[in-house]
Protein backbone atom coordinates (compact mmCIF):
# COMPACT_ATOMS: atom_id res chain seq x y z
CA MET A 1 -0.19 -31.72 -1.26
CA LEU A 2 1.35 -29.89 1.32
CA ASP A 3 4.53 -31.27 3.11
CA GLN A 4 3.85 -32.20 6.76
CA GLY A 5 6.99 -31.71 7.83
CA ALA A 6 9.34 -28.45 8.09
CA PRO A 7 12.94 -29.48 6.81
CA PRO A 8 15.38 -30.12 9.48
CA HIS A 9 17.16 -26.36 9.63
CA HIS A 10 13.43 -24.89 10.19
CA ASP A 11 13.20 -27.19 13.37
CA ALA A 12 16.93 -26.34 14.54
CA SER A 13 16.37 -22.07 13.88
CA ALA A 14 13.16 -22.22 15.86
CA THR A 15 14.55 -23.66 19.10
CA PRO A 16 15.98 -21.41 22.25
CA SER A 17 18.94 -23.17 21.63
CA SER A 18 20.07 -22.38 18.21
CA PRO A 19 23.89 -22.05 18.45
CA GLY A 20 25.33 -18.40 17.35
CA LEU A 21 23.30 -14.93 16.64
CA ALA A 22 23.47 -15.61 12.99
CA ALA A 23 21.15 -18.69 13.19
CA ARG A 24 18.87 -17.06 15.32
CA LEU A 25 18.48 -14.09 13.39
CA MET A 26 17.71 -16.59 10.12
CA ARG A 27 15.42 -18.68 12.06
CA ARG A 28 12.28 -19.21 9.78
CA LYS A 29 8.78 -19.82 10.35
CA PRO A 30 7.43 -22.90 8.72
CA VAL A 31 4.67 -22.25 6.11
CA GLU A 32 2.00 -24.38 7.77
CA ARG A 33 2.45 -22.90 11.09
CA LEU A 34 1.89 -19.58 9.60
CA VAL A 35 -1.14 -20.75 8.15
CA ALA A 36 -2.04 -23.06 11.25
CA GLU A 37 -2.02 -19.42 13.53
CA GLY A 38 -4.16 -17.81 10.59
CA GLY A 39 -6.58 -15.33 12.31
CA GLN A 40 -5.77 -15.86 15.91
CA GLY A 41 -5.06 -13.21 18.36
CA GLU A 42 -5.23 -12.12 21.95
CA GLY A 43 -8.40 -12.61 23.17
CA GLY A 44 -9.91 -13.17 19.89
CA SER A 45 -10.08 -14.38 15.96
CA LEU A 46 -10.34 -12.22 13.08
CA ARG A 47 -13.53 -13.32 10.95
CA ARG A 48 -13.74 -14.84 7.39
CA SER A 49 -16.47 -12.55 5.69
CA LEU A 50 -14.43 -10.99 2.29
CA GLY A 51 -15.02 -12.64 -0.96
CA LEU A 52 -13.53 -11.76 -4.39
CA TRP A 53 -15.84 -8.98 -4.66
CA GLN A 54 -14.57 -7.51 -1.74
CA LEU A 55 -11.18 -8.21 -1.98
CA THR A 56 -11.02 -6.75 -5.30
CA MET A 57 -12.56 -3.66 -4.34
CA ILE A 58 -10.03 -3.35 -1.32
CA SER A 59 -7.10 -3.67 -3.96
CA ILE A 60 -8.41 -0.95 -5.96
CA GLY A 61 -9.89 1.26 -3.40
CA ALA A 62 -6.18 1.07 -1.59
CA THR A 63 -4.56 2.12 -5.03
CA LEU A 64 -7.29 3.81 -7.12
CA GLY A 65 -6.95 7.67 -6.67
CA THR A 66 -4.08 8.30 -5.46
CA GLY A 67 -1.27 9.19 -8.21
CA ILE A 68 -4.38 10.66 -10.33
CA PHE A 69 -5.92 13.16 -7.81
CA VAL A 70 -2.73 13.73 -5.94
CA VAL A 71 0.83 13.32 -7.28
CA LEU A 72 -0.07 13.91 -10.97
CA GLY A 73 0.91 17.36 -10.55
CA GLU A 74 4.03 16.60 -9.31
CA ALA A 75 4.71 14.05 -11.78
CA VAL A 76 4.12 16.33 -14.76
CA PRO A 77 6.35 18.59 -14.50
CA LYS A 78 9.33 16.03 -14.15
CA ALA A 79 8.55 13.98 -17.43
CA GLY A 80 6.27 16.35 -19.15
CA PRO A 81 3.60 14.56 -21.90
CA ALA A 82 5.68 11.53 -21.48
CA VAL A 83 4.26 11.09 -17.77
CA THR A 84 1.74 8.70 -19.35
CA LEU A 85 5.18 6.46 -19.98
CA SER A 86 5.62 7.03 -16.63
CA PHE A 87 2.69 5.54 -15.45
CA VAL A 88 3.34 2.69 -17.60
CA ILE A 89 6.72 2.21 -16.29
CA ALA A 90 5.52 2.21 -13.01
CA GLY A 91 2.41 0.17 -13.65
CA LEU A 92 4.91 -2.52 -15.46
CA THR A 93 6.85 -2.48 -12.09
CA ALA A 94 4.25 -2.78 -9.63
CA LEU A 95 3.13 -6.10 -12.57
CA PHE A 96 6.56 -8.55 -11.73
CA SER A 97 5.64 -7.80 -8.26
CA ALA A 98 2.28 -8.42 -8.48
CA LEU A 99 2.69 -11.69 -10.16
CA SER A 100 4.93 -13.01 -7.21
CA TYR A 101 2.56 -11.21 -4.52
CA ALA A 102 0.04 -13.37 -6.37
CA GLU A 103 1.93 -16.67 -6.21
CA LEU A 104 2.37 -15.85 -2.38
CA ALA A 105 -0.81 -14.52 -1.61
CA GLY A 106 -2.11 -17.85 -2.54
CA THR A 107 0.47 -20.59 -1.00
CA ILE A 108 0.70 -18.07 2.37
CA PRO A 109 -2.99 -16.74 2.59
CA VAL A 110 -2.60 -15.04 6.04
CA ALA A 111 -2.61 -11.42 7.41
CA GLY A 112 1.28 -10.13 7.43
CA SER A 113 1.11 -9.89 3.55
CA SER A 114 5.18 -10.08 2.54
CA TYR A 115 6.16 -9.48 5.93
CA SER A 116 4.74 -13.33 6.68
CA TYR A 117 6.22 -14.12 2.81
CA ALA A 118 9.84 -13.21 4.00
CA TYR A 119 9.56 -14.90 7.46
CA ALA A 120 8.71 -18.29 5.83
CA THR A 121 11.53 -17.86 3.21
CA MET A 122 14.64 -15.82 4.37
CA GLY A 123 14.33 -15.55 7.98
CA GLU A 124 13.44 -13.55 10.94
CA LEU A 125 15.76 -10.61 10.48
CA VAL A 126 14.75 -10.10 6.82
CA ALA A 127 10.98 -10.45 7.83
CA TRP A 128 11.72 -7.96 10.60
CA VAL A 129 13.02 -5.39 7.62
CA CYS A 130 10.24 -6.30 5.43
CA GLY A 131 7.86 -5.65 8.13
CA TRP A 132 9.19 -2.54 8.87
CA CYS A 133 9.19 -1.55 5.40
CA LEU A 134 5.64 -2.00 5.53
CA VAL A 135 4.77 0.06 8.28
CA LEU A 136 6.45 3.13 6.51
CA GLU A 137 4.59 1.94 3.61
CA TYR A 138 0.96 1.68 4.92
CA GLY A 139 1.86 4.45 7.70
CA VAL A 140 3.16 7.12 5.52
CA SER A 141 0.83 6.59 2.67
CA VAL A 142 -2.30 7.17 4.65
CA ALA A 143 -0.65 10.01 6.18
CA ALA A 144 0.43 11.43 2.16
CA VAL A 145 -2.69 10.85 0.91
CA ALA A 146 -4.89 12.42 3.94
CA VAL A 147 -3.05 15.66 2.97
CA GLY A 148 -4.43 15.18 -0.84
CA TRP A 149 -7.95 14.60 0.50
CA GLY A 150 -7.42 18.27 2.35
CA GLU A 151 -6.56 20.10 -0.84
CA TYR A 152 -9.83 18.63 -2.79
CA LEU A 153 -12.08 19.52 0.27
CA ASN A 154 -11.47 22.81 -0.57
CA GLU A 155 -12.02 22.71 -3.53
CA LEU A 156 -15.23 21.08 -2.92
CA LEU A 157 -16.24 23.77 -0.20
CA ASP A 158 -15.07 26.68 -2.72
CA GLY A 159 -17.25 25.40 -5.56
CA THR A 160 -20.37 24.80 -3.30
CA ILE A 161 -20.40 27.46 -0.62
CA GLY A 162 -17.42 29.78 -1.50
CA VAL A 163 -15.35 29.51 1.19
CA THR A 164 -12.09 27.63 1.75
CA LEU A 165 -10.53 26.76 4.91
CA PRO A 166 -7.50 28.96 5.77
CA ALA A 167 -3.98 27.86 5.17
CA VAL A 168 -3.40 27.62 8.77
CA LEU A 169 -5.66 24.95 9.34
CA SER A 170 -5.22 22.80 5.77
CA ALA A 171 -1.75 22.81 5.07
CA PRO A 172 1.04 21.27 7.25
CA PRO A 173 4.14 23.46 8.52
CA GLY A 174 6.51 23.74 5.88
CA ASP A 175 3.58 24.20 3.51
CA GLY A 176 2.22 27.67 4.74
CA GLY A 177 0.04 26.48 7.46
CA ILE A 178 0.44 24.87 11.22
CA PHE A 179 -1.46 22.13 11.55
CA ASN A 180 -3.80 20.34 8.75
CA LEU A 181 -7.05 19.67 10.03
CA PRO A 182 -8.88 18.01 7.16
CA ALA A 183 -6.03 15.44 7.09
CA LEU A 184 -6.27 14.45 10.62
CA ILE A 185 -10.10 14.50 10.29
CA VAL A 186 -10.36 11.61 6.99
CA VAL A 187 -8.02 9.76 8.85
CA LEU A 188 -10.27 9.53 12.26
CA LEU A 189 -13.37 9.24 9.68
CA ALA A 190 -11.79 6.07 8.44
CA MET A 191 -10.86 4.49 11.99
CA THR A 192 -14.17 4.78 12.67
CA PHE A 193 -15.25 2.05 9.62
CA LEU A 194 -12.01 0.17 10.46
CA LEU A 195 -13.46 -0.05 14.11
CA GLY A 196 -16.81 -1.85 13.18
CA GLY A 197 -15.01 -4.67 11.39
CA ALA A 198 -13.80 -6.28 8.11
CA ARG A 199 -17.26 -6.92 6.44
CA GLU A 200 -18.63 -3.19 7.45
CA SER A 201 -15.76 -1.25 6.66
CA ALA A 202 -15.41 -3.50 2.95
CA ARG A 203 -19.16 -2.26 2.13
CA ALA A 204 -18.54 1.25 2.73
CA ASN A 205 -15.37 0.68 0.56
CA THR A 206 -17.05 -1.02 -2.42
CA ILE A 207 -19.39 2.39 -2.47
CA MET A 208 -16.67 4.26 -2.50
CA VAL A 209 -14.86 2.79 -5.12
CA VAL A 210 -17.90 2.67 -7.87
CA VAL A 211 -17.84 6.55 -7.09
CA LYS A 212 -14.28 7.15 -7.82
CA ILE A 213 -14.60 4.81 -10.66
CA ALA A 214 -17.71 6.78 -12.13
CA ALA A 215 -15.71 9.95 -11.52
CA LEU A 216 -12.56 9.01 -13.44
CA VAL A 217 -14.39 8.04 -16.40
CA LEU A 218 -16.60 11.38 -16.22
CA PHE A 219 -13.44 12.96 -16.50
CA CYS A 220 -12.08 11.35 -19.71
CA ALA A 221 -15.66 12.25 -21.11
CA ILE A 222 -15.27 15.47 -20.83
CA GLY A 223 -11.76 16.04 -20.65
CA VAL A 224 -11.13 15.02 -24.11
CA GLN A 225 -13.23 17.52 -25.45
CA GLY A 226 -10.79 20.12 -24.56
CA PHE A 227 -7.74 17.96 -26.32
CA ARG A 228 -5.48 19.57 -28.04
CA SER A 229 -2.54 17.37 -29.86
CA GLY A 230 -0.41 20.56 -29.96
CA ASN A 231 0.16 19.39 -26.30
CA TYR A 232 2.24 16.17 -27.18
CA GLU A 233 4.29 18.14 -29.76
CA HIS A 234 7.32 17.51 -27.51
CA PHE A 235 6.79 14.37 -25.91
CA MET A 236 9.58 13.86 -23.77
CA PRO A 237 11.21 17.49 -23.10
CA LEU A 238 13.18 15.93 -20.29
CA GLY A 239 14.70 12.98 -21.68
CA MET A 240 14.43 9.48 -20.30
CA ALA A 241 15.97 10.63 -17.17
CA GLY A 242 12.21 12.84 -16.35
CA VAL A 243 10.44 9.75 -17.05
CA SER A 244 12.23 7.54 -14.75
CA ALA A 245 12.42 10.21 -12.36
CA ALA A 246 8.54 10.67 -12.91
CA GLY A 247 8.24 6.97 -12.99
CA ALA A 248 9.37 6.56 -9.46
CA THR A 249 7.29 9.28 -7.91
CA LEU A 250 4.23 7.75 -9.56
CA PHE A 251 5.03 4.31 -8.17
CA PHE A 252 3.58 5.79 -5.14
CA SER A 253 0.11 5.65 -7.19
CA TYR A 254 0.25 1.95 -7.53
CA ILE A 255 0.88 1.10 -3.55
CA GLY A 256 -2.07 -0.78 -2.57
CA PHE A 257 -2.68 -3.53 -4.96
CA ASP A 258 -1.07 -5.41 -2.17
CA ALA A 259 -3.79 -4.32 -0.04
CA ALA A 260 -5.71 -7.61 -0.82
CA SER A 261 -2.80 -9.78 0.26
CA THR A 262 -3.19 -8.47 3.92
CA ALA A 263 -6.79 -9.46 4.41
CA GLY A 264 -5.57 -13.53 3.70
CA GLU A 265 -7.03 -14.09 7.43
CA GLU A 266 -10.37 -12.67 6.85
CA ALA A 267 -10.93 -13.93 3.08
CA LYS A 268 -13.54 -16.90 2.75
CA ASN A 269 -11.73 -18.17 0.07
CA ALA A 270 -8.45 -17.04 0.47
CA GLN A 271 -5.93 -19.22 -1.89
CA ARG A 272 -8.21 -19.00 -4.78
CA ASP A 273 -9.53 -15.40 -4.47
CA LEU A 274 -6.60 -13.53 -3.09
CA PRO A 275 -4.28 -14.18 -6.51
CA ARG A 276 -7.32 -12.98 -8.60
CA ALA A 277 -8.13 -10.23 -6.86
CA ILE A 278 -4.68 -8.65 -6.87
CA MET A 279 -4.03 -9.56 -10.61
CA LEU A 280 -7.88 -7.99 -11.69
CA SER A 281 -6.61 -4.86 -9.14
CA LEU A 282 -3.72 -4.04 -10.92
CA VAL A 283 -5.14 -4.25 -14.60
CA VAL A 284 -8.42 -2.08 -13.82
CA VAL A 285 -5.68 0.85 -11.84
CA THR A 286 -3.36 0.82 -14.79
CA VAL A 287 -5.77 1.01 -17.67
CA LEU A 288 -7.85 4.12 -15.95
CA TYR A 289 -4.61 5.80 -14.75
CA VAL A 290 -2.91 5.99 -18.33
CA LEU A 291 -5.94 7.28 -19.88
CA VAL A 292 -6.61 9.94 -17.63
CA ALA A 293 -2.94 11.07 -17.42
CA ALA A 294 -3.03 11.06 -21.79
CA VAL A 295 -6.34 12.96 -21.23
CA ALA A 296 -5.18 15.51 -18.98
CA VAL A 297 -2.04 16.20 -20.59
CA GLY A 298 -3.70 16.96 -23.43
CA ALA A 299 -6.48 19.16 -22.05
CA LYS A 300 -3.83 20.90 -20.11
CA PRO A 301 -0.02 22.16 -21.13
CA TRP A 302 2.41 20.31 -19.30
CA ARG A 303 4.41 23.39 -18.05
CA THR A 304 0.95 24.69 -16.33
CA PHE A 305 1.13 21.65 -14.12
CA THR A 306 1.57 22.57 -10.49
CA ASP A 307 2.13 20.27 -7.34
CA SER A 308 -0.38 22.46 -4.92
CA GLU A 309 -3.34 22.17 -7.32
CA ALA A 310 -6.33 19.81 -7.27
CA SER A 311 -5.20 19.07 -11.38
CA LEU A 312 -8.38 17.43 -12.35
CA ALA A 313 -10.87 19.39 -10.77
CA GLN A 314 -9.02 22.78 -12.23
CA ILE A 315 -9.08 20.93 -15.80
CA MET A 316 -12.58 20.25 -15.77
CA SER A 317 -14.33 23.53 -14.98
CA ASP A 318 -11.47 25.06 -17.78
CA VAL A 319 -12.53 22.76 -20.32
CA THR A 320 -16.56 23.27 -19.56
CA GLY A 321 -16.22 27.06 -18.74
CA GLN A 322 -18.47 25.82 -15.94
CA SER A 323 -17.45 25.45 -12.10
CA PHE A 324 -19.88 22.66 -11.39
CA TRP A 325 -18.03 19.94 -13.17
CA GLY A 326 -14.98 20.96 -11.46
CA THR A 327 -16.87 21.00 -8.38
CA LEU A 328 -18.84 17.42 -8.71
CA LEU A 329 -15.27 16.30 -9.74
CA ALA A 330 -13.86 17.41 -6.29
CA PHE A 331 -16.76 16.27 -4.68
CA CYS A 332 -15.85 12.58 -6.29
CA ALA A 333 -12.08 12.83 -5.32
CA VAL A 334 -12.83 13.85 -1.62
CA VAL A 335 -14.79 10.55 -1.62
CA ALA A 336 -11.96 8.56 -3.51
CA ILE A 337 -9.56 9.68 -1.67
CA ALA A 338 -10.98 8.45 1.80
CA SER A 339 -11.44 5.38 -0.05
CA VAL A 340 -7.80 4.81 0.00
CA VAL A 341 -7.38 5.89 3.89
CA LEU A 342 -9.66 3.59 4.78
CA THR A 343 -8.13 0.61 2.88
CA VAL A 344 -4.42 1.46 3.33
CA LEU A 345 -5.10 1.73 7.08
CA TYR A 346 -6.72 -1.38 6.99
CA GLY A 347 -3.55 -3.11 5.73
CA GLN A 348 -1.54 -1.59 8.20
CA THR A 349 -3.27 -2.41 10.77
CA ARG A 350 -3.14 -6.34 9.44
CA VAL A 351 0.53 -5.77 9.28
CA LEU A 352 1.29 -4.92 12.57
CA PHE A 353 -1.37 -7.86 13.82
CA ALA A 354 0.68 -10.32 12.62
CA MET A 355 4.10 -8.88 13.64
CA SER A 356 2.35 -8.76 16.79
CA ARG A 357 1.25 -12.26 16.70
CA ASP A 358 5.00 -13.57 16.08
CA GLY A 359 5.97 -11.62 19.06
CA LEU A 360 8.30 -8.57 17.22
CA VAL A 361 6.13 -5.94 18.17
CA PRO A 362 3.85 -5.36 21.71
CA LYS A 363 0.77 -8.00 21.83
CA VAL A 364 -1.55 -4.93 21.83
CA PHE A 365 -1.42 -5.02 18.52
CA SER A 366 -2.86 -8.21 17.95
CA LYS A 367 -5.71 -8.11 20.63
CA VAL A 368 -8.83 -8.66 18.89
CA HIS A 369 -12.37 -7.34 19.71
CA PRO A 370 -14.59 -10.29 20.61
CA LYS A 371 -17.75 -8.77 19.20
CA THR A 372 -16.52 -6.89 16.27
CA GLY A 373 -13.32 -9.22 15.58
CA ALA A 374 -11.34 -6.05 14.75
CA PRO A 375 -7.85 -5.05 16.46
CA ARG A 376 -9.56 -2.23 18.14
CA ALA A 377 -6.44 -1.16 20.06
CA ASN A 378 -4.34 -1.89 17.02
CA THR A 379 -6.81 0.33 14.93
CA LEU A 380 -6.22 3.34 17.51
CA ILE A 381 -3.25 3.36 17.70
CA VAL A 382 -1.96 3.63 14.31
CA SER A 383 -4.97 5.77 13.29
CA LEU A 384 -4.01 8.46 15.64
CA PHE A 385 -0.09 8.29 14.68
CA CYS A 386 -1.15 8.47 10.94
CA GLY A 387 -3.42 11.67 11.44
CA VAL A 388 -1.05 13.81 13.26
CA LEU A 389 1.95 12.70 10.60
CA ALA A 390 -0.34 14.01 8.19
CA ALA A 391 -1.09 17.23 9.81
CA ALA A 392 2.41 17.92 10.45
CA VAL A 393 4.65 16.63 7.32
CA PRO A 394 4.39 17.96 3.41
CA LEU A 395 3.31 15.60 0.92
CA GLY A 396 5.85 15.39 -1.33
CA GLN A 397 8.43 14.28 1.13
CA LEU A 398 6.01 11.71 1.91
CA ALA A 399 5.57 10.11 -1.14
CA ASP A 400 8.90 9.82 -2.15
CA ALA A 401 9.34 7.68 1.68
CA THR A 402 6.67 5.80 0.69
CA SER A 403 7.88 4.46 -2.56
CA ILE A 404 11.44 3.64 -1.53
CA GLY A 405 9.98 1.41 1.57
CA THR A 406 7.25 -0.07 -1.23
CA LEU A 407 9.94 -0.78 -3.31
CA PHE A 408 12.05 -2.41 -0.90
CA ALA A 409 9.41 -4.69 0.27
CA PHE A 410 8.65 -5.50 -3.27
CA ALA A 411 12.18 -6.51 -3.82
CA LEU A 412 11.90 -9.00 -1.18
CA VAL A 413 8.82 -10.22 -2.61
CA ASN A 414 10.46 -11.13 -5.84
CA ILE A 415 13.00 -13.14 -3.78
CA ALA A 416 10.65 -14.83 -1.93
CA VAL A 417 8.76 -16.51 -4.24
CA VAL A 418 11.95 -17.57 -6.07
CA VAL A 419 13.14 -19.10 -2.27
CA LEU A 420 10.05 -20.87 -1.95
CA ARG A 421 9.73 -22.46 -5.21
CA ARG A 422 13.24 -24.10 -4.44
CA THR A 423 13.13 -25.17 -1.06
CA ARG A 424 9.29 -26.02 -1.16
CA PRO A 425 8.49 -27.39 -4.91
CA ASP A 426 5.64 -29.25 -3.83
CA MET A 427 3.57 -27.06 -2.04
CA ARG A 428 0.02 -26.07 -3.54
CA ARG A 429 -0.34 -23.13 -5.49
CA THR A 430 -3.37 -21.65 -6.70
CA PHE A 431 -1.13 -19.72 -8.96
CA ARG A 432 1.95 -19.97 -10.34
CA VAL A 433 4.48 -17.05 -11.78
CA PRO A 434 4.95 -17.84 -15.28
CA LEU A 435 8.62 -18.05 -16.76
CA SER A 436 9.85 -17.95 -12.92
CA PRO A 437 12.93 -17.41 -12.01
CA VAL A 438 12.74 -14.78 -15.42
CA LEU A 439 9.77 -12.83 -14.22
CA PRO A 440 10.56 -12.32 -10.49
CA ALA A 441 14.13 -11.29 -11.54
CA LEU A 442 12.88 -8.38 -13.79
CA GLY A 443 10.66 -7.74 -10.85
CA PHE A 444 13.84 -7.02 -8.57
CA GLY A 445 15.72 -5.69 -10.86
CA LEU A 446 12.67 -2.80 -11.85
CA CYS A 447 12.64 -2.34 -8.34
CA VAL A 448 16.16 -1.55 -7.55
CA TRP A 449 16.15 0.55 -10.52
CA MET A 450 13.38 2.99 -9.45
CA MET A 451 15.11 2.96 -5.70
CA GLY A 452 18.15 4.47 -7.51
CA SER A 453 15.78 7.09 -9.39
CA LEU A 454 14.83 8.29 -6.04
CA SER A 455 16.77 11.46 -4.38
CA THR A 456 19.41 11.10 -1.97
CA VAL A 457 17.16 12.72 0.82
CA THR A 458 14.63 10.15 0.65
CA TRP A 459 17.62 7.85 0.70
CA VAL A 460 18.80 9.20 3.85
CA VAL A 461 15.31 9.35 5.54
CA PHE A 462 14.76 5.45 4.51
CA GLY A 463 18.67 4.80 5.99
CA VAL A 464 17.36 6.44 9.71
CA TRP A 465 14.13 4.61 9.35
CA MET A 466 15.90 1.28 8.94
CA ALA A 467 18.48 1.95 11.68
CA VAL A 468 15.66 2.92 13.92
CA GLY A 469 13.89 -0.32 13.04
CA LEU A 470 17.37 -2.28 13.66
CA VAL A 471 17.49 -0.77 17.13
CA PHE A 472 13.95 -1.66 18.00
CA TYR A 473 14.25 -5.19 16.73
CA PHE A 474 17.54 -5.90 18.42
CA GLY A 475 16.06 -4.01 21.49
CA TYR A 476 12.69 -5.59 21.62
CA GLY A 477 11.73 -8.10 18.71
CA HIS A 478 14.56 -10.45 18.88
CA ARG A 479 14.36 -11.31 22.40
CA ARG A 480 10.66 -11.53 22.65
CA SER A 481 10.25 -13.19 19.10
CA ARG A 482 7.71 -16.60 19.55
CA LEU A 483 10.53 -18.85 17.51
CA ALA A 484 12.68 -17.65 20.07
CA ALA A 485 10.56 -18.61 23.23
CA PRO A 486 7.35 -20.47 22.38
CA ASP A 487 4.94 -21.07 24.75
CA PRO A 488 2.90 -24.08 25.63
CA SER A 489 -0.28 -22.78 24.01
CA GLU A 490 2.04 -22.61 20.87
CA GLY A 491 1.63 -26.29 20.25
CA ARG A 492 -1.93 -26.54 20.51
CA THR A 493 -2.84 -24.00 18.20
CA HIS A 494 -0.55 -25.79 15.73
CA GLN A 495 -2.53 -29.16 16.05
CA LYS A 496 -5.79 -27.48 15.73
């Protein structure tokens, strides 16, 4: 059974009279209170309408496609044929963290994902840092994927009607363009679905996920016909350093398996279905990634990969000698990448919803539309921000910035699962990480190791982002936190 009361230090840290700044920064939000407030927003509540199938499709939709359709061309020149090993390393890093996510998602089934887990275990400041990393992870991921969508849209237009959008309107500044119009368009399309509510968005996403899986299976079936064993003659030409660097970049392609955890307040049976959805989606995605990467390198010499082409569509055309197959794959990629934008944008809005409900960001992000059950203003603001970001920043820088924010958040989740095991050992858990704390420690270590493989420029960007976040927290969130000055309605909410 769940413990009915929080330990004494919870109560002390949650009151306005807590002594000292350190105590206020470490105030924790009891798990029971997090769960009791679940779904409640300003003027309405989120609706529980998602089952295991929809949750799994959200995770697959947010994950599958990004690394294969977009980032593969960047990773192959770093690792050579050993890019398949890079995918495995990135997948193992994601797996250890996924185990921790699965346990916490079943124990604390709320919308905030790792932000809420950190709030319950490590205190408000750490939770803020984690939430700020998630803003970077989801927001920048949406923008980066939207940029890749534009590349495949041009491939599709070229194969069907023989025209492409001019570079000035299909690439961001620094990549030969002025404004990436396709990237903005796909974000606005995703926004339209999200404004209709979680159920409607999940239906659209499921259709797109089926299309993308079919496309990757088709690629493997056709691409293997052009397989040349000589392309694997020098498997690791750039050494383990290259494999590690490519793995850090490819970790970007595993971002999204945690998207299901942001749906904790819209799942019908969150404690049962969230852990299953997280693990099932990661297995499906990893298998497909490794197979497609192996076929791609076998069909195309690794030195000919570039980071500016729609690699899989080009391989299909080269193997068959017919542009039709490449055009078909480009169409599937356009659909597939759109689903990533949709589901990751969904996760971003739900994290901000939870942070807003706690008072750490403005209340507008937790206002729920009474008819659709969706945070409408939140969705509009986030979509417009991500759309403009996608239209103005080059893809490579975006991908690495997303990776470092995600790795940092995942590292905190691995710590959180160990902390909660020690502080609340009697809580009901529908999934438990095996061999804890060994596997969470491995997950933490791998995250730190992969962060160390990223460039100095990426670390500088991350440091600036964290500094901005801390300024915002101490200037706004710290004073407005609901734990700092709870209002009378909170007691009634907790008793429901």
